[in-house]
Amino acid sequence: MKRVPVDSTVILSAGYDPLTRTLEVQLQDGRVYAYLDVPQVVYRDLLAAESAGRYFAWYIKTTFECQPVE
């Protein structure tokens, strides 16, 4: 999945696939996680957030099922 850079101390990049509703987040340490069944508005809100790391920790991590991406 193509990811775009994110200006964050937590997140390096993020990408979204609207067909599968999958959000991929690459953390600054290189780990990548796929969050499942995520509405596209959540991806847009992540990219627009004043603090992407805070939005990610507060909403995405606590709401959506995730799996590591190898």
C-alpha atoms as a PDB file:
ATOM      1  CA  MET A   1       0.000   0.000   0.000  1.00  0.00           C
ATOM      2  CA  LYS A   2       1.259   3.458  -0.821  1.00  0.00           C
ATOM      3  CA  ARG A   3       1.760   5.574   2.290  1.00  0.00           C
ATOM      4  CA  VAL A   4       2.312   9.310   2.625  1.00  0.00           C
ATOM      5  CA  PRO A   5       4.683  10.959   5.123  1.00  0.00           C
ATOM      6  CA  VAL A   6       3.088  12.253   8.317  1.00  0.00           C
ATOM      7  CA  ASP A   7       4.520  15.167  10.298  1.00  0.00           C
ATOM      8  CA  SER A   8       4.585  13.429  13.676  1.00  0.00           C
ATOM      9  CA  THR A   9       7.002  12.263  16.329  1.00  0.00           C
ATOM     10  CA  VAL A  10       5.031   8.992  16.532  1.00  0.00           C
ATOM     11  CA  ILE A  11       3.981   8.214  12.942  1.00  0.00           C
ATOM     12  CA  LEU A  12       6.347   8.089   9.980  1.00  0.00           C
ATOM     13  CA  SER A  13       3.729   7.456   7.271  1.00  0.00           C
ATOM     14  CA  ALA A  14       0.123   6.381   6.710  1.00  0.00           C
ATOM     15  CA  GLY A  15      -1.888   4.980   3.824  1.00  0.00           C
ATOM     16  CA  TYR A  16      -5.453   3.960   3.163  1.00  0.00           C
ATOM     17  CA  ASP A  17      -7.171   1.481   0.840  1.00  0.00           C
ATOM     18  CA  PRO A  18     -10.835   2.454   0.380  1.00  0.00           C
ATOM     19  CA  LEU A  19     -11.745  -0.900  -1.203  1.00  0.00           C
ATOM     20  CA  THR A  20     -10.724  -2.895   1.872  1.00  0.00           C
ATOM     21  CA  ARG A  21     -11.158  -0.021   4.385  1.00  0.00           C
ATOM     22  CA  THR A  22      -7.651  -0.724   5.653  1.00  0.00           C
ATOM     23  CA  LEU A  23      -5.480   1.950   7.241  1.00  0.00           C
ATOM     24  CA  GLU A  24      -1.745   1.259   7.380  1.00  0.00           C
ATOM     25  CA  VAL A  25       0.366   3.186   9.854  1.00  0.00           C
ATOM     26  CA  GLN A  26       4.159   3.062   9.931  1.00  0.00           C
ATOM     27  CA  LEU A  27       5.567   4.146  13.267  1.00  0.00           C
ATOM     28  CA  GLN A  28       8.818   6.059  13.669  1.00  0.00           C
ATOM     29  CA  ASP A  29      10.569   2.839  14.770  1.00  0.00           C
ATOM     30  CA  GLY A  30       9.689   1.207  11.425  1.00  0.00           C
ATOM     31  CA  ARG A  31       6.908  -1.110  12.592  1.00  0.00           C
ATOM     32  CA  VAL A  32       3.838  -1.144  10.351  1.00  0.00           C
ATOM     33  CA  TYR A  33       0.299  -1.957  11.464  1.00  0.00           C
ATOM     34  CA  ALA A  34      -2.882  -2.466   9.452  1.00  0.00           C
ATOM     35  CA  TYR A  35      -6.080  -1.226  11.084  1.00  0.00           C
ATOM     36  CA  LEU A  36      -9.187  -2.962   9.783  1.00  0.00           C
ATOM     37  CA  ASP A  37     -12.625  -1.677   8.755  1.00  0.00           C
ATOM     38  CA  VAL A  38     -11.634   1.980   9.121  1.00  0.00           C
ATOM     39  CA  PRO A  39     -13.900   4.613   7.526  1.00  0.00           C
ATOM     40  CA  GLN A  40     -12.088   6.875   5.056  1.00  0.00           C
ATOM     41  CA  VAL A  41     -12.954   9.944   7.140  1.00  0.00           C
ATOM     42  CA  VAL A  42     -10.708   8.593   9.912  1.00  0.00           C
ATOM     43  CA  TYR A  43      -7.743   8.563   7.518  1.00  0.00           C
ATOM     44  CA  ARG A  44      -8.519  12.130   6.419  1.00  0.00           C
ATOM     45  CA  ASP A  45      -8.862  13.211  10.055  1.00  0.00           C
ATOM     46  CA  LEU A  46      -5.530  11.581  10.928  1.00  0.00           C
ATOM     47  CA  LEU A  47      -3.741  13.496   8.174  1.00  0.00           C
ATOM     48  CA  ALA A  48      -5.469  16.757   9.152  1.00  0.00           C
ATOM     49  CA  ALA A  49      -5.050  16.405  12.920  1.00  0.00           C
ATOM     50  CA  GLU A  50      -3.098  19.038  14.802  1.00  0.00           C
ATOM     51  CA  SER A  51      -1.325  16.132  16.494  1.00  0.00           C
ATOM     52  CA  ALA A  52      -1.461  12.958  14.402  1.00  0.00           C
ATOM     53  CA  GLY A  53       0.204  10.966  17.183  1.00  0.00           C
ATOM     54  CA  ARG A  54      -2.367  12.046  19.745  1.00  0.00           C
ATOM     55  CA  TYR A  55      -5.283  11.304  17.369  1.00  0.00           C
ATOM     56  CA  PHE A  56      -3.765   7.911  16.586  1.00  0.00           C
ATOM     57  CA  ALA A  57      -3.295   6.988  20.259  1.00  0.00           C
ATOM     58  CA  TRP A  58      -6.606   8.406  21.450  1.00  0.00           C
ATOM     59  CA  TYR A  59      -8.911   7.154  18.710  1.00  0.00           C
ATOM     60  CA  ILE A  60      -7.437   4.749  16.164  1.00  0.00           C
ATOM     61  CA  LYS A  61      -5.518   2.420  18.505  1.00  0.00           C
ATOM     62  CA  THR A  62      -8.442   2.162  20.908  1.00  0.00           C
ATOM     63  CA  THR A  63     -11.202   1.698  18.315  1.00  0.00           C
ATOM     64  CA  PHE A  64     -10.023  -0.517  15.458  1.00  0.00           C
ATOM     65  CA  GLU A  65      -8.681  -4.064  15.272  1.00  0.00           C
ATOM     66  CA  CYS A  66      -5.114  -4.164  14.048  1.00  0.00           C
ATOM     67  CA  GLN A  67      -2.519  -6.627  12.828  1.00  0.00           C
ATOM     68  CA  PRO A  68       1.197  -6.219  12.223  1.00  0.00           C
ATOM     69  CA  VAL A  69       2.338  -5.946   8.602  1.00  0.00           C
ATOM     70  CA  GLU A  70       5.486  -7.863   7.705  1.00  0.00           C
END
